[in-house]
Amino acid sequence: MAKSFKNYGSVWVLILLLLVGGLTGSAIGNALAPALPWLKATSTIGLRPFTLDLQFFNLTFGFTFALSPLTALGLILGYLIYRRV
């Protein structure tokens, strides 16, 4: 017999809450950074932009993610809110 998983809602709601949580955490971190310098510490991960040039079509790929302490906290809080809703 298969285990039943609790349906928490739409994936789009999760993405929205993570986005709002990350943006809020980043904004608070930037506002508090002059008073607390350790909040400026960020780790950047991702894929540097590169371009595929086909003479008639240019396509640029890339993704970077800058993670600071309050951004991570905002993402965690967004996920916790998603679990409670």
Protein backbone atom coordinates (compact mmCIF):
# COMPACT_ATOMS: atom_id res chain seq x y z
CA MET A 1 0.00 0.00 0.00
CA ALA A 2 1.31 3.44 -0.89
CA LYS A 3 1.86 6.06 1.77
CA SER A 4 -0.47 9.02 1.62
CA PHE A 5 1.08 12.45 1.47
CA LYS A 6 -0.61 15.52 2.87
CA ASN A 7 -1.54 17.93 0.10
CA TYR A 8 -0.20 21.34 1.16
CA GLY A 9 -1.45 23.32 -1.82
CA SER A 10 -0.22 24.64 -5.09
CA VAL A 11 3.43 24.78 -6.06
CA TRP A 12 2.80 28.33 -7.28
CA VAL A 13 1.82 29.41 -3.78
CA LEU A 14 5.07 27.93 -2.46
CA ILE A 15 7.11 29.75 -5.12
CA LEU A 16 5.31 33.01 -4.35
CA LEU A 17 5.86 32.68 -0.59
CA LEU A 18 9.55 31.81 -1.08
CA LEU A 19 9.97 34.79 -3.39
CA VAL A 20 8.27 37.18 -0.98
CA GLY A 21 10.21 35.75 1.98
CA GLY A 22 13.54 36.02 0.16
CA LEU A 23 12.87 39.57 -1.02
CA THR A 24 11.72 40.66 2.43
CA GLY A 25 14.76 39.11 4.09
CA SER A 26 17.08 40.78 1.58
CA ALA A 27 15.43 44.17 2.06
CA ILE A 28 15.66 43.94 5.86
CA GLY A 29 19.27 42.76 5.59
CA ASN A 30 20.20 45.70 3.37
CA ALA A 31 18.48 48.12 5.75
CA LEU A 32 20.25 46.71 8.82
CA ALA A 33 23.66 46.16 7.17
CA PRO A 34 25.13 49.56 8.22
CA ALA A 35 24.45 48.75 11.88
CA LEU A 36 25.29 45.02 11.69
CA PRO A 37 28.10 44.47 9.16
CA TRP A 38 27.94 40.67 9.31
CA LEU A 39 24.62 40.86 7.47
CA LYS A 40 26.51 41.89 4.32
CA ALA A 41 28.06 38.42 4.08
CA THR A 42 26.59 36.74 1.01
CA SER A 43 27.28 33.59 -0.94
CA THR A 44 26.58 33.72 -4.66
CA ILE A 45 25.78 30.50 -6.47
CA GLY A 46 24.51 29.89 -9.95
CA LEU A 47 25.36 29.77 -13.60
CA ARG A 48 27.17 32.70 -15.18
CA PRO A 49 25.36 34.16 -18.18
CA PHE A 50 26.37 32.81 -21.58
CA THR A 51 24.93 33.48 -25.03
CA LEU A 52 23.98 31.12 -27.82
CA ASP A 53 24.37 33.07 -31.08
CA LEU A 54 22.75 31.48 -34.15
CA GLN A 55 23.10 34.54 -36.43
CA PHE A 56 19.33 35.04 -36.59
CA PHE A 57 18.56 34.23 -32.96
CA ASN A 58 20.41 35.12 -29.75
CA LEU A 59 19.57 33.34 -26.55
CA THR A 60 21.18 34.15 -23.21
CA PHE A 61 21.16 31.67 -20.35
CA GLY A 62 22.12 32.42 -16.77
CA PHE A 63 21.09 32.22 -13.15
CA THR A 64 22.63 33.60 -9.98
CA PHE A 65 21.38 33.42 -6.42
CA ALA A 66 22.84 35.60 -3.66
CA LEU A 67 22.15 34.15 -0.23
CA SER A 68 22.63 36.23 2.90
CA PRO A 69 21.66 35.29 6.47
CA LEU A 70 18.38 37.21 6.45
CA THR A 71 17.53 36.02 2.94
CA ALA A 72 17.87 32.45 4.16
CA LEU A 73 15.71 33.27 7.17
CA GLY A 74 13.07 34.80 4.89
CA LEU A 75 13.06 31.69 2.69
CA ILE A 76 12.64 29.46 5.75
CA LEU A 77 9.81 31.61 7.08
CA GLY A 78 8.11 31.55 3.67
CA TYR A 79 8.27 27.75 3.66
CA LEU A 80 6.93 27.56 7.22
CA ILE A 81 4.02 29.84 6.29
CA TYR A 82 3.33 27.58 3.30
CA ARG A 83 3.22 24.53 5.57
CA ARG A 84 0.74 26.25 7.93
CA VAL A 85 -1.63 27.52 5.21
